[in-house]
Amino acid sequence: MTFINQLTRLPAATMLVALCCSALVAGCGGDNNVSGPIGGTPDTTPPTVLSTNPINGATGVAVINATFSEPMTAASVTDVSFTLKGPALTTVAGLVAYDAANNRASFVPFSALAAATSYTATIMTAAKDRSGNALANDYVWSFVTNSAATVQPPEVLASTVDYAVLAGASITSTGATRITGGVGLSPGTSLTGFPPGIIVGIKHIADPGAAQAKLDLTTAYNGAAGRTLGPVSVAGNIGGMTLPPGLYKSTSSLEISSGDLTLDGLGNANAVWVFQIASTLTTSSGRKVILSGGAKAANVFWQVGTSATLGTTSVFKGTIMADQSITMSTGASLEGRILARIASVTLNGNTIVTPTP
C-alpha cells in the first residue's frame, strides 16, 4: 500500500501533520524557517545606518536619532548600543527608544546639553536586525550644540489673529464643519457649505477687513520663513518625536505619520515653535500633535512653502500659514488657524477653534 493510500485511513488532523512532514523538502517548515521566504536564502546582510539627526558636523540639536536600513530587534537598540558622549568622553545619560514603524532609534538626554559643545553619538555593533545580523562596524557621528539658547519670539499675526480660516481663492465645506473664530476670503468670493457648516465669529468676504488680514498674513508668513536664529534641521517623517521649543527647518516636505508628534514646553508657558517647511506638510489618518510641559497652540507656527493636508480624524495644533492651499480631511480637528495665502481652503466636517493666547 502506498504512503498516500495509508494517509486516507488516518484522522484528518493526523493526515495534515503527515502531509506537512512529507513536504519538508519543499519548504514546509512553519516558524522554523525564520531566515526568509520558503526556499529562500537566509538573511546574512548586516543592517546599516541610513541617516542621522543631527547630521555629522551639524550645529544645533534638539533631537538625536538614527534611521536604519531595515527593521531592528528592539531589545538590541538600548542605551548600551546607542550612546552619547560629551567633552572628555563623558557619557551623557538619556533614554533610548526604538520606533519600529520607522526603523528609527532616538536618544533623549535626561538633562539639557551644554551650549557650544561638541558631542559624539555612537550606534554600536550590539544593534542587530531581526535576523540577528549586527552592524558591520560602530556608526559614529558628531555635532555641536548652539552657542546660546535660541529662544524664538512668537510670530506677529496682527489682524490675522482674529481669524480661524483665511484663504485667497475660495473656502469650501462639506458636512458639519464648525468654526469658532473669524472667516476671511480675499480676493476670492466663493464661500460654500455654510450652512450646514457653522461659523461662530466674524465673516469678511472680499471686503477691506479680509484684504487687510491677507496683507498681515503675508507679513507673518515672510517673517516665519525668514528666521535664522539657531535653526535645527528636520526632514521626512517627524511622527513619534518629542521636540522642545525652537526653530525647525526642512528643505523639503514634512509629514507626521506612524506616530504622534509631541511638543514639550519644558515648563515654559511662553515657549515657541516655528517650523519652516519648503514644500508640503502632511499628517496621516488619526495622527496627533500633542502639547506637553505647558506648551500652547497659540505659540506654534507652521510656515508651509506649498500646501498642507491634515489626514482623516487627525488632531492638529498651531497656526498653519501655507503659501497655496490647505485641506482638512474628514473629521480632522484643529486648535489653531488655517491660513492660505493664494489658493483655497477645503473642509470636510471639521472642528476648528482659534487658540487661547
Protein backbone atom coordinates (compact mmCIF):
# COMPACT_ATOMS: atom_id res chain seq x y z
CA MET A 1 0.00 0.00 0.00
CA THR A 2 1.39 3.38 -0.94
CA PHE A 3 2.08 6.16 1.57
CA ILE A 4 -0.76 8.30 0.14
CA ASN A 5 -3.23 5.40 0.39
CA GLN A 6 -2.19 4.87 4.01
CA LEU A 7 -2.92 8.54 4.71
CA THR A 8 -6.55 8.13 3.66
CA ARG A 9 -7.03 5.84 6.64
CA LEU A 10 -5.77 8.44 9.14
CA PRO A 11 -7.84 11.06 11.03
CA ALA A 12 -7.88 14.46 9.33
CA ALA A 13 -5.60 16.20 11.88
CA THR A 14 -3.05 13.37 11.70
CA MET A 15 -3.18 13.44 7.91
CA LEU A 16 -2.35 17.17 7.90
CA VAL A 17 0.71 16.62 10.09
CA ALA A 18 1.87 13.73 7.96
CA LEU A 19 1.49 15.66 4.74
CA CYS A 20 3.43 18.61 6.19
CA CYS A 21 6.24 16.31 7.32
CA SER A 22 6.39 14.61 3.92
CA ALA A 23 6.73 18.04 2.30
CA LEU A 24 9.61 19.33 4.41
CA VAL A 25 11.89 19.07 1.43
CA ALA A 26 9.58 21.53 -0.34
CA GLY A 27 9.91 24.07 2.45
CA CYS A 28 7.01 23.13 4.79
CA GLY A 29 8.86 24.13 7.92
CA GLY A 30 6.42 26.52 9.62
CA ASP A 31 8.03 29.01 12.02
CA ASN A 32 11.33 27.16 11.90
CA ASN A 33 12.11 28.96 8.65
CA VAL A 34 12.80 32.39 10.18
CA SER A 35 15.56 33.47 7.86
CA GLY A 36 13.42 34.30 4.87
CA PRO A 37 10.80 33.05 2.44
CA ILE A 38 10.29 29.35 1.72
CA GLY A 39 13.25 28.04 -0.19
CA GLY A 40 14.93 31.44 0.06
CA THR A 41 18.45 32.39 1.05
CA PRO A 42 18.94 33.20 4.76
CA ASP A 43 19.41 36.90 5.53
CA THR A 44 23.08 37.44 6.34
CA THR A 45 23.34 41.09 5.28
CA PRO A 46 24.31 43.47 8.10
CA PRO A 47 21.98 46.44 8.64
CA THR A 48 23.28 49.96 8.08
CA VAL A 49 22.50 53.44 9.37
CA LEU A 50 20.84 55.37 6.56
CA SER A 51 20.65 58.79 8.19
CA THR A 52 21.01 60.66 11.46
CA ASN A 53 19.61 63.77 13.05
CA PRO A 54 21.55 65.94 13.54
CA ILE A 55 23.78 65.06 10.63
CA ASN A 56 27.51 64.66 11.10
CA GLY A 57 29.12 68.04 11.74
CA ALA A 58 25.83 69.89 12.27
CA THR A 59 25.44 72.82 14.62
CA GLY A 60 22.19 72.88 16.57
CA VAL A 61 20.41 69.91 18.06
CA ALA A 62 17.03 69.20 19.60
CA VAL A 63 16.57 65.52 18.94
CA ILE A 64 19.15 62.80 18.35
CA ASN A 65 18.13 59.84 16.24
CA ALA A 66 19.33 57.32 13.70
CA THR A 67 17.34 55.62 10.95
CA PHE A 68 18.29 52.06 9.96
CA SER A 69 18.14 50.36 6.57
CA GLU A 70 15.80 47.63 7.84
CA PRO A 71 13.75 46.60 10.91
CA MET A 72 15.85 46.04 14.01
CA THR A 73 15.42 43.88 17.10
CA ALA A 74 14.10 46.40 19.62
CA ALA A 75 15.82 44.64 22.52
CA SER A 76 19.20 45.29 20.87
CA VAL A 77 18.64 49.05 20.49
CA THR A 78 19.18 50.37 24.03
CA ASP A 79 21.36 52.77 25.98
CA VAL A 80 24.05 50.09 25.72
CA SER A 81 24.17 50.10 21.92
CA PHE A 82 23.22 53.79 21.39
CA THR A 83 25.44 56.15 23.37
CA LEU A 84 26.21 59.86 23.52
CA LYS A 85 29.43 61.34 24.86
CA GLY A 86 30.48 64.90 25.57
CA PRO A 87 33.80 66.58 26.47
CA ALA A 88 36.49 64.27 27.84
CA LEU A 89 34.38 61.34 26.63
CA THR A 90 31.93 61.73 29.48
CA THR A 91 28.83 59.63 28.92
CA VAL A 92 25.52 61.50 28.68
CA ALA A 93 22.63 59.84 30.47
CA GLY A 94 19.47 59.53 28.43
CA LEU A 95 16.52 57.45 27.30
CA VAL A 96 16.79 55.33 24.14
CA ALA A 97 13.63 54.32 22.31
CA TYR A 98 13.11 52.32 19.11
CA ASP A 99 10.32 53.24 16.67
CA ALA A 100 9.66 50.05 14.73
CA ALA A 101 7.28 51.75 12.27
CA ASN A 102 10.11 53.96 11.00
CA ASN A 103 13.19 51.80 11.78
CA ARG A 104 14.39 54.70 13.92
CA ALA A 105 16.20 54.88 17.27
CA SER A 106 16.02 58.05 19.36
CA PHE A 107 18.22 59.27 22.20
CA VAL A 108 16.67 61.83 24.58
CA PRO A 109 19.10 63.27 27.17
CA PHE A 110 17.82 63.40 30.73
CA SER A 111 19.30 66.92 31.07
CA ALA A 112 19.80 69.75 28.57
CA LEU A 113 23.04 69.52 26.61
CA ALA A 114 25.68 72.19 27.23
CA ALA A 115 25.80 75.12 24.79
CA ALA A 116 28.58 75.43 22.18
CA THR A 117 29.78 71.92 22.94
CA SER A 118 30.80 69.04 20.70
CA TYR A 119 29.08 65.68 21.25
CA THR A 120 29.68 62.27 19.69
CA ALA A 121 26.91 59.72 19.16
CA THR A 122 27.60 56.05 18.51
CA ILE A 123 25.46 53.14 17.33
CA MET A 124 27.42 50.02 18.30
CA THR A 125 27.56 46.60 16.71
CA ALA A 126 25.37 45.30 19.53
CA ALA A 127 22.44 46.66 17.47
CA LYS A 128 21.03 43.82 15.36
CA ASP A 129 18.36 43.31 12.71
CA ARG A 130 15.55 40.79 13.10
CA SER A 131 17.64 38.02 11.58
CA GLY A 132 20.33 38.57 14.20
CA ASN A 133 22.78 40.37 11.92
CA ALA A 134 24.78 43.07 13.69
CA LEU A 135 26.06 46.31 12.21
CA ALA A 136 29.34 45.58 10.48
CA ASN A 137 31.04 48.43 12.38
CA ASP A 138 30.21 51.00 15.01
CA TYR A 139 28.49 54.02 13.40
CA VAL A 140 29.90 57.26 14.85
CA TRP A 141 28.96 60.88 14.17
CA SER A 142 29.48 64.23 15.90
CA PHE A 143 27.65 67.54 16.16
CA VAL A 144 27.96 70.84 18.02
CA THR A 145 25.21 72.41 20.10
CA ASN A 146 24.21 76.04 19.58
CA SER A 147 26.33 78.73 21.24
CA ALA A 148 23.40 80.00 23.30
CA ALA A 149 19.78 79.32 23.98
CA THR A 150 17.81 80.26 20.88
CA VAL A 151 14.52 81.49 22.28
CA GLN A 152 12.08 82.21 19.47
CA PRO A 153 9.60 85.08 19.80
CA PRO A 154 6.02 84.39 18.68
CA GLU A 155 5.11 85.41 15.14
CA VAL A 156 3.12 88.68 14.96
CA LEU A 157 -0.18 87.95 13.22
CA ALA A 158 -1.67 91.48 13.57
CA SER A 159 -5.32 91.47 12.38
CA THR A 160 -4.99 87.86 11.23
CA VAL A 161 -5.08 86.77 14.87
CA ASP A 162 -8.88 87.08 14.80
CA TYR A 163 -9.28 84.53 12.00
CA ALA A 164 -9.61 80.77 12.26
CA VAL A 165 -9.82 80.35 8.49
CA LEU A 166 -8.43 82.66 5.81
CA ALA A 167 -7.98 82.00 2.09
CA GLY A 168 -7.25 83.73 -1.19
CA ALA A 169 -9.39 81.93 -3.79
CA SER A 170 -12.25 80.07 -2.05
CA ILE A 171 -13.44 78.32 1.12
CA THR A 172 -15.44 75.13 0.66
CA SER A 173 -17.00 72.97 3.36
CA THR A 174 -18.78 69.62 3.21
CA GLY A 175 -20.71 68.29 6.20
CA ALA A 176 -20.99 69.53 9.78
CA THR A 177 -17.96 71.80 9.96
CA ARG A 178 -17.88 74.10 12.98
CA ILE A 179 -15.52 77.10 13.07
CA THR A 180 -15.05 79.11 16.26
CA GLY A 181 -13.27 82.24 15.12
CA GLY A 182 -13.30 84.56 12.13
CA VAL A 183 -13.53 83.52 8.49
CA GLY A 184 -11.97 85.66 5.76
CA LEU A 185 -11.63 85.44 1.99
CA SER A 186 -9.83 87.83 -0.38
CA PRO A 187 -9.75 88.43 -3.29
CA GLY A 188 -11.98 85.40 -3.92
CA THR A 189 -15.70 85.49 -3.12
CA SER A 190 -16.75 81.80 -3.07
CA LEU A 191 -17.72 80.65 0.43
CA THR A 192 -19.80 77.44 0.26
CA GLY A 193 -21.09 74.88 2.74
CA PHE A 194 -22.31 77.32 5.43
CA PRO A 195 -24.93 76.09 6.28
CA PRO A 196 -24.86 73.25 7.15
CA GLY A 197 -21.46 74.34 8.45
CA ILE A 198 -21.49 76.81 11.36
CA ILE A 199 -19.30 79.89 11.83
CA VAL A 200 -19.12 81.36 15.34
CA GLY A 201 -17.24 84.58 14.66
CA ILE A 202 -16.74 87.43 12.23
CA LYS A 203 -17.04 86.84 8.48
CA HIS A 204 -15.28 89.04 5.92
CA ILE A 205 -15.66 88.12 2.25
CA ALA A 206 -13.74 90.23 -0.26
CA ASP A 207 -14.03 93.35 1.91
CA PRO A 208 -11.41 95.68 3.43
CA GLY A 209 -11.17 93.58 6.59
CA ALA A 210 -10.31 90.44 4.62
CA ALA A 211 -7.89 92.35 2.40
CA GLN A 212 -6.01 93.69 5.43
CA ALA A 213 -5.89 90.23 7.01
CA LYS A 214 -4.34 88.88 3.80
CA LEU A 215 -1.67 91.59 3.90
CA ASP A 216 -0.94 90.79 7.55
CA LEU A 217 -0.78 87.08 6.70
CA THR A 218 1.85 87.74 4.03
CA THR A 219 3.91 89.71 6.54
CA ALA A 220 3.68 86.91 9.12
CA TYR A 221 4.43 84.23 6.52
CA ASN A 222 7.55 86.04 5.35
CA GLY A 223 8.59 86.68 8.94
CA ALA A 224 8.42 82.99 9.82
CA ALA A 225 10.16 81.98 6.58
CA GLY A 226 12.97 84.47 7.16
CA ARG A 227 14.00 83.39 10.66
CA THR A 228 17.63 82.32 11.02
CA LEU A 229 18.26 82.13 14.77
CA GLY A 230 19.54 78.67 15.65
CA PRO A 231 17.66 76.51 13.14
CA VAL A 232 17.53 72.77 13.73
CA SER A 233 17.34 70.61 10.61
CA VAL A 234 14.47 68.13 10.31
CA ALA A 235 13.29 66.08 7.35
CA GLY A 236 10.75 63.50 6.28
CA ASN A 237 8.56 61.95 8.96
CA ILE A 238 8.72 63.62 12.38
CA GLY A 239 5.96 61.45 13.84
CA GLY A 240 6.97 59.77 17.09
CA MET A 241 9.37 62.56 18.04
CA THR A 242 9.32 64.87 21.07
CA LEU A 243 10.57 68.36 20.21
CA PRO A 244 11.46 71.16 22.64
CA PRO A 245 10.84 74.82 21.68
CA GLY A 246 12.86 76.18 18.78
CA LEU A 247 13.15 76.85 15.07
CA TYR A 248 12.88 73.73 12.90
CA LYS A 249 13.86 73.86 9.24
CA SER A 250 13.05 71.38 6.48
CA THR A 251 14.43 71.89 2.98
CA SER A 252 11.73 69.62 1.53
CA SER A 253 8.45 68.27 2.93
CA LEU A 254 7.43 67.20 6.43
CA GLU A 255 4.94 64.59 7.49
CA ILE A 256 3.54 63.32 10.76
CA SER A 257 2.83 59.62 10.27
CA SER A 258 3.37 56.28 12.02
CA GLY A 259 3.42 58.14 15.34
CA ASP A 260 2.24 61.30 17.09
CA LEU A 261 4.36 64.43 17.43
CA THR A 262 4.85 65.82 20.94
CA LEU A 263 5.84 69.45 21.53
CA ASP A 264 7.28 69.77 25.04
CA GLY A 265 7.33 73.28 26.53
CA LEU A 266 9.68 72.16 29.32
CA GLY A 267 7.56 74.04 31.86
CA ASN A 268 7.60 77.34 29.94
CA ALA A 269 4.11 78.58 29.00
CA ASN A 270 5.72 81.13 26.64
CA ALA A 271 7.71 78.55 24.67
CA VAL A 272 7.52 78.99 20.88
CA TRP A 273 7.92 76.57 17.97
CA VAL A 274 8.39 77.73 14.38
CA PHE A 275 8.52 75.17 11.56
CA GLN A 276 9.93 76.27 8.20
CA ILE A 277 8.81 73.76 5.57
CA ALA A 278 9.99 74.25 1.99
CA SER A 279 7.20 72.26 0.35
CA THR A 280 4.28 70.26 1.80
CA LEU A 281 3.02 69.45 5.28
CA THR A 282 1.01 66.22 5.67
CA THR A 283 -0.46 64.25 8.54
CA SER A 284 -1.72 60.70 8.12
CA SER A 285 -5.06 59.41 9.39
CA GLY A 286 -5.54 59.61 13.15
CA ARG A 287 -2.19 61.19 13.93
CA LYS A 288 -1.93 63.89 16.62
CA VAL A 289 0.16 66.87 17.61
CA ILE A 290 0.34 66.64 21.40
CA LEU A 291 1.23 69.60 23.64
CA SER A 292 3.01 68.94 26.94
CA GLY A 293 5.07 70.80 29.53
CA GLY A 294 2.98 73.98 29.36
CA ALA A 295 3.04 74.26 25.55
CA LYS A 296 0.26 76.33 23.94
CA ALA A 297 -1.23 76.03 20.48
CA ALA A 298 -1.07 79.83 20.17
CA ASN A 299 2.73 79.61 20.18
CA VAL A 300 3.11 77.01 17.42
CA PHE A 301 3.62 78.25 13.84
CA TRP A 302 3.86 76.17 10.66
CA GLN A 303 5.17 78.04 7.61
CA VAL A 304 4.42 75.81 4.61
CA GLY A 305 6.07 76.53 1.27
CA THR A 306 3.29 74.97 -0.81
CA SER A 307 0.22 73.20 0.61
CA ALA A 308 -0.89 71.40 3.77
CA THR A 309 -3.16 68.36 4.21
CA LEU A 310 -4.45 67.12 7.57
CA GLY A 311 -5.47 63.45 7.45
CA THR A 312 -8.79 61.90 8.43
CA THR A 313 -9.59 62.33 12.18
CA SER A 314 -6.15 63.79 12.82
CA VAL A 315 -5.75 66.28 15.70
CA PHE A 316 -3.54 69.27 14.97
CA LYS A 317 -2.22 72.23 16.96
CA GLY A 318 -0.93 75.61 15.86
CA THR A 319 -1.25 78.18 13.11
CA ILE A 320 -0.69 76.86 9.59
CA MET A 321 0.41 79.54 7.12
CA ALA A 322 0.52 77.94 3.67
CA ASP A 323 1.58 79.69 0.51
CA GLN A 324 -1.00 77.79 -1.54
CA SER A 325 -3.87 75.61 -0.27
CA ILE A 326 -4.94 73.81 2.92
CA THR A 327 -7.16 70.71 3.09
CA MET A 328 -8.63 69.16 6.23
CA SER A 329 -9.83 65.61 5.61
CA THR A 330 -12.99 64.15 7.15
CA GLY A 331 -13.19 64.55 10.91
CA ALA A 332 -9.83 66.27 11.36
CA SER A 333 -9.76 68.88 14.13
CA LEU A 334 -7.57 71.89 14.82
CA GLU A 335 -6.78 74.15 17.73
CA GLY A 336 -5.18 76.98 15.81
CA ARG A 337 -5.67 78.61 12.41
CA ILE A 338 -5.54 77.58 8.75
CA LEU A 339 -4.37 80.50 6.62
CA ALA A 340 -3.87 80.01 2.88
CA ARG A 341 -2.21 82.95 1.13
CA ILE A 342 -3.07 82.33 -2.53
CA ALA A 343 -5.34 79.37 -3.13
CA SER A 344 -8.23 77.61 -1.34
CA VAL A 345 -9.22 76.05 1.96
CA THR A 346 -11.18 72.78 1.74
CA LEU A 347 -13.05 71.47 4.81
CA ASN A 348 -14.84 68.16 5.43
CA GLY A 349 -16.83 68.05 8.64
CA ASN A 350 -14.08 69.57 10.74
CA THR A 351 -13.80 71.38 14.07
CA ILE A 352 -11.59 74.47 14.16
CA VAL A 353 -11.08 76.63 17.24
CA THR A 354 -8.76 79.63 17.48
CA PRO A 355 -6.22 79.07 20.26
CA THR A 356 -6.23 80.68 23.66
CA PRO A 357 -3.36 83.22 23.95
